[in-house]
Amino acid sequence: MAELWEEQHWDTKTSYAYFRAYYLPQPPPRSAIEAYRRYQEAQKRRKRGAAKTLPGSWQNWFQGRDRQGNPIPGAIGWQERADAYDAHQQRLVEAQRQQELLDRMRQYDEAA
């Protein structure tokens, strides 16, 4: 099974691409409207910060809904997916710190 931040069966190619490119890279707390603004800026459609609301497609993607705005069974919204990604990244950082500590302890033992 794919991790929540990876492409899911309910994602469209476009929705997942935008999640990865414009939503997930933001530092917490993330904002769907900020993701849309970054998209617009990248597309050179508007100046940064101009958008005040999300288009329907973006709102549906953010909430895990279909084109008609109906919930997709089992779908998880962007915020929860990003939270899972953040928790994963934190676990990686903690594992790296633990490994560095163990390495230092081994070096100390070998030097003693």
N, C-alpha and C. Protein backbone atom coordinates (compact mmCIF):
# COMPACT_ATOMS: atom_id res chain seq x y z
N MET A 1 0.85 -1.20 0.00
CA MET A 1 0.00 0.00 0.00
C MET A 1 0.88 1.25 0.00
N ALA A 2 0.49 2.20 -0.78
CA ALA A 2 1.25 3.44 -0.88
C ALA A 2 1.09 4.28 0.38
N GLU A 3 2.12 5.02 0.70
CA GLU A 3 2.04 5.97 1.82
C GLU A 3 1.03 7.06 1.44
N LEU A 4 0.43 7.70 2.43
CA LEU A 4 -0.61 8.69 2.17
C LEU A 4 -0.14 9.84 1.27
N TRP A 5 1.11 10.21 1.36
CA TRP A 5 1.60 11.34 0.57
C TRP A 5 1.99 10.91 -0.85
N GLU A 6 1.97 9.63 -1.11
CA GLU A 6 2.24 9.12 -2.45
C GLU A 6 0.93 9.08 -3.25
N GLU A 7 1.05 8.85 -4.55
CA GLU A 7 -0.14 8.85 -5.40
C GLU A 7 -1.11 7.75 -4.95
N GLN A 8 -2.39 8.12 -4.88
CA GLN A 8 -3.45 7.22 -4.42
C GLN A 8 -4.43 6.94 -5.55
N HIS A 9 -5.25 5.90 -5.36
CA HIS A 9 -6.19 5.51 -6.41
C HIS A 9 -7.21 6.60 -6.71
N TRP A 10 -7.49 7.47 -5.78
CA TRP A 10 -8.48 8.53 -6.01
C TRP A 10 -7.86 9.77 -6.65
N ASP A 11 -6.55 9.83 -6.70
CA ASP A 11 -5.90 10.98 -7.33
C ASP A 11 -6.05 10.94 -8.84
N THR A 12 -6.19 12.11 -9.43
CA THR A 12 -5.98 12.22 -10.87
C THR A 12 -4.51 12.57 -11.05
N LYS A 13 -4.02 12.42 -12.25
CA LYS A 13 -2.61 12.80 -12.50
C LYS A 13 -2.40 14.27 -12.15
N THR A 14 -3.35 15.10 -12.51
CA THR A 14 -3.23 16.53 -12.25
C THR A 14 -3.30 16.84 -10.77
N SER A 15 -4.29 16.26 -10.07
CA SER A 15 -4.42 16.57 -8.64
C SER A 15 -3.19 16.14 -7.87
N TYR A 16 -2.64 14.99 -8.21
CA TYR A 16 -1.45 14.53 -7.49
C TYR A 16 -0.24 15.41 -7.83
N ALA A 17 -0.12 15.77 -9.09
CA ALA A 17 1.00 16.64 -9.49
C ALA A 17 0.94 17.97 -8.73
N TYR A 18 -0.24 18.53 -8.58
CA TYR A 18 -0.38 19.81 -7.89
C TYR A 18 -0.17 19.66 -6.38
N PHE A 19 -0.63 18.55 -5.83
CA PHE A 19 -0.38 18.26 -4.41
C PHE A 19 1.12 18.22 -4.15
N ARG A 20 1.86 17.50 -5.00
CA ARG A 20 3.31 17.35 -4.82
C ARG A 20 4.07 18.65 -5.10
N ALA A 21 3.64 19.38 -6.10
CA ALA A 21 4.40 20.56 -6.52
C ALA A 21 4.08 21.82 -5.71
N TYR A 22 2.83 21.97 -5.28
CA TYR A 22 2.43 23.25 -4.71
C TYR A 22 1.94 23.19 -3.26
N TYR A 23 1.45 22.04 -2.82
CA TYR A 23 0.94 21.95 -1.45
C TYR A 23 1.96 21.34 -0.51
N LEU A 24 2.45 20.17 -0.84
CA LEU A 24 3.35 19.45 0.06
C LEU A 24 4.63 20.21 0.40
N PRO A 25 5.24 20.94 -0.54
CA PRO A 25 6.50 21.64 -0.21
C PRO A 25 6.36 22.80 0.78
N GLN A 26 5.14 23.26 1.03
CA GLN A 26 4.97 24.37 1.97
C GLN A 26 5.34 23.92 3.39
N PRO A 27 5.87 24.83 4.17
CA PRO A 27 6.08 24.49 5.59
C PRO A 27 4.73 24.51 6.31
N PRO A 28 4.58 23.68 7.33
CA PRO A 28 3.33 23.73 8.11
C PRO A 28 3.20 25.07 8.83
N PRO A 29 2.03 25.58 9.02
CA PRO A 29 0.76 25.04 8.52
C PRO A 29 0.57 25.39 7.05
N ARG A 30 0.21 24.40 6.27
CA ARG A 30 0.02 24.59 4.83
C ARG A 30 -1.34 25.22 4.54
N SER A 31 -1.44 25.77 3.34
CA SER A 31 -2.67 26.43 2.92
C SER A 31 -2.99 26.04 1.49
N ALA A 32 -4.22 25.60 1.26
CA ALA A 32 -4.65 25.26 -0.10
C ALA A 32 -4.64 26.50 -0.98
N ILE A 33 -5.07 27.63 -0.43
CA ILE A 33 -5.08 28.86 -1.23
C ILE A 33 -3.66 29.28 -1.59
N GLU A 34 -2.72 29.08 -0.68
CA GLU A 34 -1.32 29.38 -0.99
C GLU A 34 -0.80 28.45 -2.07
N ALA A 35 -1.20 27.19 -2.04
CA ALA A 35 -0.80 26.25 -3.09
C ALA A 35 -1.32 26.74 -4.44
N TYR A 36 -2.57 27.18 -4.45
CA TYR A 36 -3.15 27.68 -5.70
C TYR A 36 -2.43 28.95 -6.17
N ARG A 37 -2.09 29.81 -5.24
CA ARG A 37 -1.34 31.02 -5.61
C ARG A 37 0.01 30.66 -6.22
N ARG A 38 0.68 29.68 -5.64
CA ARG A 38 1.98 29.24 -6.18
C ARG A 38 1.80 28.65 -7.58
N TYR A 39 0.72 27.92 -7.76
CA TYR A 39 0.41 27.38 -9.08
C TYR A 39 0.21 28.51 -10.09
N GLN A 40 -0.60 29.49 -9.70
CA GLN A 40 -0.85 30.61 -10.61
C GLN A 40 0.44 31.35 -10.95
N GLU A 41 1.27 31.55 -9.95
CA GLU A 41 2.54 32.23 -10.18
C GLU A 41 3.41 31.42 -11.14
N ALA A 42 3.45 30.11 -10.93
CA ALA A 42 4.26 29.25 -11.80
C ALA A 42 3.73 29.27 -13.23
N GLN A 43 2.42 29.40 -13.37
CA GLN A 43 1.81 29.45 -14.70
C GLN A 43 1.81 30.87 -15.28
N LYS A 44 2.31 31.82 -14.49
CA LYS A 44 2.37 33.23 -14.87
C LYS A 44 0.97 33.78 -15.20
N ARG A 45 -0.02 33.28 -14.44
CA ARG A 45 -1.40 33.72 -14.67
C ARG A 45 -1.75 34.94 -13.84
N ARG A 46 -1.17 35.04 -12.67
CA ARG A 46 -1.45 36.18 -11.80
C ARG A 46 -0.23 36.44 -10.95
N LYS A 47 -0.23 37.62 -10.38
CA LYS A 47 0.83 37.93 -9.43
C LYS A 47 0.59 37.16 -8.15
N ARG A 48 1.67 36.84 -7.48
CA ARG A 48 1.59 36.08 -6.23
C ARG A 48 0.67 36.79 -5.24
N GLY A 49 -0.18 36.01 -4.60
CA GLY A 49 -1.06 36.56 -3.58
C GLY A 49 -2.38 37.09 -4.10
N ALA A 50 -2.61 37.04 -5.41
CA ALA A 50 -3.81 37.63 -5.97
C ALA A 50 -5.07 36.80 -5.71
N ALA A 51 -4.97 35.48 -5.72
CA ALA A 51 -6.15 34.62 -5.55
C ALA A 51 -6.69 34.72 -4.12
N LYS A 52 -7.99 34.82 -4.01
CA LYS A 52 -8.65 34.88 -2.70
C LYS A 52 -9.44 33.61 -2.40
N THR A 53 -9.86 32.90 -3.44
CA THR A 53 -10.63 31.67 -3.26
C THR A 53 -10.08 30.58 -4.18
N LEU A 54 -10.41 29.34 -3.83
CA LEU A 54 -9.99 28.21 -4.64
C LEU A 54 -11.03 27.91 -5.71
N PRO A 55 -10.58 27.52 -6.90
CA PRO A 55 -11.54 27.02 -7.88
C PRO A 55 -12.12 25.70 -7.36
N GLY A 56 -13.26 25.31 -7.89
CA GLY A 56 -13.93 24.10 -7.44
C GLY A 56 -13.07 22.85 -7.53
N SER A 57 -12.31 22.72 -8.62
CA SER A 57 -11.46 21.53 -8.76
C SER A 57 -10.43 21.45 -7.63
N TRP A 58 -9.81 22.54 -7.30
CA TRP A 58 -8.82 22.55 -6.22
C TRP A 58 -9.48 22.25 -4.88
N GLN A 59 -10.64 22.82 -4.64
CA GLN A 59 -11.36 22.56 -3.39
C GLN A 59 -11.69 21.07 -3.27
N ASN A 60 -12.15 20.48 -4.37
CA ASN A 60 -12.47 19.05 -4.35
C ASN A 60 -11.23 18.21 -4.10
N TRP A 61 -10.14 18.52 -4.77
CA TRP A 61 -8.90 17.76 -4.57
C TRP A 61 -8.45 17.87 -3.12
N PHE A 62 -8.48 19.07 -2.58
CA PHE A 62 -8.04 19.31 -1.21
C PHE A 62 -8.85 18.48 -0.21
N GLN A 63 -10.13 18.32 -0.49
CA GLN A 63 -11.02 17.61 0.42
C GLN A 63 -11.22 16.13 0.09
N GLY A 64 -10.58 15.64 -0.97
CA GLY A 64 -10.76 14.24 -1.36
C GLY A 64 -12.14 13.97 -1.94
N ARG A 65 -12.59 14.86 -2.82
CA ARG A 65 -13.92 14.73 -3.42
C ARG A 65 -13.80 14.59 -4.93
N ASP A 66 -14.88 14.09 -5.55
CA ASP A 66 -14.90 13.93 -7.00
C ASP A 66 -15.28 15.25 -7.68
N ARG A 67 -15.40 15.21 -9.00
CA ARG A 67 -15.69 16.43 -9.77
C ARG A 67 -17.01 17.09 -9.39
N GLN A 68 -17.95 16.28 -8.92
CA GLN A 68 -19.25 16.82 -8.52
C GLN A 68 -19.25 17.29 -7.06
N GLY A 69 -18.13 17.13 -6.38
CA GLY A 69 -18.04 17.55 -4.99
C GLY A 69 -18.49 16.50 -3.99
N ASN A 70 -18.69 15.27 -4.47
CA ASN A 70 -19.10 14.17 -3.59
C ASN A 70 -17.87 13.51 -2.98
N PRO A 71 -17.96 13.10 -1.72
CA PRO A 71 -16.82 12.41 -1.10
C PRO A 71 -16.47 11.14 -1.87
N ILE A 72 -15.19 10.92 -2.07
CA ILE A 72 -14.71 9.69 -2.69
C ILE A 72 -14.49 8.69 -1.56
N PRO A 73 -15.13 7.53 -1.61
CA PRO A 73 -14.96 6.55 -0.52
C PRO A 73 -13.49 6.23 -0.27
N GLY A 74 -13.09 6.39 0.97
CA GLY A 74 -11.71 6.09 1.37
C GLY A 74 -10.70 7.18 1.09
N ALA A 75 -11.11 8.23 0.39
CA ALA A 75 -10.16 9.29 0.04
C ALA A 75 -9.78 10.10 1.28
N ILE A 76 -8.54 10.52 1.30
CA ILE A 76 -7.99 11.34 2.38
C ILE A 76 -7.63 12.70 1.78
N GLY A 77 -7.97 13.76 2.46
CA GLY A 77 -7.68 15.11 1.97
C GLY A 77 -6.21 15.45 2.06
N TRP A 78 -5.87 16.54 1.40
CA TRP A 78 -4.47 16.95 1.32
C TRP A 78 -3.85 17.24 2.68
N GLN A 79 -4.61 17.85 3.59
CA GLN A 79 -4.03 18.20 4.89
C GLN A 79 -3.60 16.96 5.65
N GLU A 80 -4.45 15.96 5.71
CA GLU A 80 -4.10 14.73 6.44
C GLU A 80 -2.93 14.01 5.76
N ARG A 81 -2.91 14.06 4.45
CA ARG A 81 -1.80 13.42 3.72
C ARG A 81 -0.48 14.15 4.01
N ALA A 82 -0.54 15.46 4.05
CA ALA A 82 0.66 16.24 4.36
C ALA A 82 1.09 16.02 5.80
N ASP A 83 0.14 15.89 6.71
CA ASP A 83 0.48 15.61 8.11
C ASP A 83 1.20 14.27 8.22
N ALA A 84 0.74 13.27 7.46
CA ALA A 84 1.41 11.96 7.46
C ALA A 84 2.84 12.09 6.92
N TYR A 85 3.01 12.91 5.90
CA TYR A 85 4.34 13.15 5.34
C TYR A 85 5.24 13.82 6.37
N ASP A 86 4.72 14.81 7.08
CA ASP A 86 5.50 15.50 8.10
C ASP A 86 5.92 14.54 9.21
N ALA A 87 5.01 13.67 9.63
CA ALA A 87 5.33 12.69 10.67
C ALA A 87 6.41 11.73 10.18
N HIS A 88 6.32 11.34 8.93
CA HIS A 88 7.34 10.46 8.34
C HIS A 88 8.70 11.16 8.33
N GLN A 89 8.72 12.41 7.90
CA GLN A 89 9.97 13.16 7.86
C GLN A 89 10.56 13.30 9.25
N GLN A 90 9.72 13.53 10.24
CA GLN A 90 10.19 13.65 11.62
C GLN A 90 10.79 12.34 12.10
N ARG A 91 10.17 11.21 11.75
CA ARG A 91 10.73 9.91 12.12
C ARG A 91 12.09 9.70 11.49
N LEU A 92 12.25 10.13 10.24
CA LEU A 92 13.55 10.01 9.57
C LEU A 92 14.61 10.84 10.28
N VAL A 93 14.25 12.06 10.66
CA VAL A 93 15.19 12.93 11.38
C VAL A 93 15.58 12.31 12.71
N GLU A 94 14.60 11.79 13.43
CA GLU A 94 14.88 11.17 14.73
C GLU A 94 15.76 9.93 14.57
N ALA A 95 15.50 9.13 13.54
CA ALA A 95 16.33 7.95 13.29
C ALA A 95 17.76 8.35 12.97
N GLN A 96 17.93 9.41 12.19
CA GLN A 96 19.27 9.90 11.86
C GLN A 96 19.99 10.38 13.11
N ARG A 97 19.30 11.11 13.95
CA ARG A 97 19.91 11.58 15.21
C ARG A 97 20.31 10.41 16.09
N GLN A 98 19.45 9.40 16.17
CA GLN A 98 19.74 8.22 16.97
C GLN A 98 20.98 7.50 16.43
N GLN A 99 21.06 7.38 15.11
CA GLN A 99 22.21 6.72 14.51
C GLN A 99 23.49 7.52 14.77
N GLU A 100 23.42 8.82 14.68
CA GLU A 100 24.59 9.65 14.96
C GLU A 100 25.03 9.50 16.41
N LEU A 101 24.08 9.42 17.33
CA LEU A 101 24.41 9.22 18.73
C LEU A 101 25.07 7.86 18.95
N LEU A 102 24.53 6.82 18.34
CA LEU A 102 25.14 5.49 18.45
C LEU A 102 26.55 5.47 17.87
N ASP A 103 26.73 6.14 16.74
CA ASP A 103 28.06 6.21 16.13
C ASP A 103 29.06 6.91 17.06
N ARG A 104 28.63 8.00 17.68
CA ARG A 104 29.51 8.71 18.61
C ARG A 104 29.84 7.85 19.82
N MET A 105 28.87 7.11 20.32
CA MET A 105 29.10 6.24 21.47
C MET A 105 30.10 5.13 21.10
N ARG A 106 29.98 4.58 19.90
CA ARG A 106 30.93 3.54 19.46
C ARG A 106 32.34 4.12 19.34
N GLN A 107 32.43 5.32 18.79
CA GLN A 107 33.75 5.95 18.66
C GLN A 107 34.36 6.19 20.03
N TYR A 108 33.55 6.61 20.97
CA TYR A 108 34.03 6.85 22.33
C TYR A 108 34.51 5.55 22.95
N ASP A 109 33.72 4.48 22.79
CA ASP A 109 34.10 3.17 23.34
C ASP A 109 35.40 2.66 22.72
N GLU A 110 35.55 2.86 21.42
CA GLU A 110 36.76 2.40 20.73
C GLU A 110 37.98 3.20 21.17
N ALA A 111 37.78 4.47 21.48
CA ALA A 111 38.90 5.33 21.89
C ALA A 111 39.30 5.06 23.34
N ALA A 112 38.40 4.52 24.12
CA ALA A 112 38.67 4.31 25.55
C ALA A 112 39.52 3.08 25.81
